[in-house]
């Protein structure tokens, strides 16, 4: 049987959260992805 252990998740500081998050890939339109990449090259 697998042993599952909890872990502490990493949370970005609120000021940077929008820079490191985005919508799930399976609900984004291609145009939205292209705009996101253009505006967030990193």
Protein backbone atom coordinates (compact mmCIF):
# COMPACT_ATOMS: atom_id res chain seq x y z
CA UNK A 1 0.00 0.00 0.00
CA UNK A 2 1.22 3.50 -0.81
CA UNK A 3 2.19 5.79 2.03
CA UNK A 4 0.92 9.32 1.49
CA UNK A 5 2.54 12.10 3.50
CA UNK A 6 1.42 15.74 3.61
CA UNK A 7 3.75 18.53 2.52
CA UNK A 8 3.86 22.28 2.93
CA UNK A 9 2.81 23.98 -0.27
CA UNK A 10 4.63 27.00 -1.62
CA UNK A 11 2.58 30.18 -1.86
CA UNK A 12 3.72 33.28 -3.77
CA UNK A 13 3.59 36.63 -2.05
CA UNK A 14 0.31 38.37 -2.96
CA UNK A 15 2.06 41.07 -5.01
CA UNK A 16 3.60 38.45 -7.33
CA UNK A 17 0.75 35.91 -7.48
CA UNK A 18 -0.66 37.23 -10.77
CA UNK A 19 2.79 36.93 -12.40
CA UNK A 20 3.21 33.25 -11.55
CA UNK A 21 -0.32 31.96 -12.09
CA UNK A 22 -2.66 31.49 -15.02
CA UNK A 23 -5.81 29.63 -15.99
CA UNK A 24 -5.60 25.85 -16.48
CA UNK A 25 -4.26 24.92 -19.91
CA UNK A 26 -7.36 22.92 -20.86
CA UNK A 27 -9.77 25.86 -20.54
CA UNK A 28 -7.71 28.59 -22.25
CA UNK A 29 -8.28 29.56 -25.86
CA UNK A 30 -5.23 29.69 -28.13
CA UNK A 31 -5.60 33.48 -28.46
CA UNK A 32 -5.53 33.84 -24.66
CA UNK A 33 -2.39 31.71 -24.44
CA UNK A 34 -0.66 33.78 -27.12
CA UNK A 35 -1.57 37.02 -25.32
CA UNK A 36 -0.35 35.61 -22.00
CA UNK A 37 2.98 34.57 -23.53
CA UNK A 38 3.38 37.92 -25.29
CA UNK A 39 2.75 39.85 -22.06
CA UNK A 40 4.73 37.45 -19.82
CA UNK A 41 7.86 36.30 -21.67
CA UNK A 42 9.30 34.57 -18.60
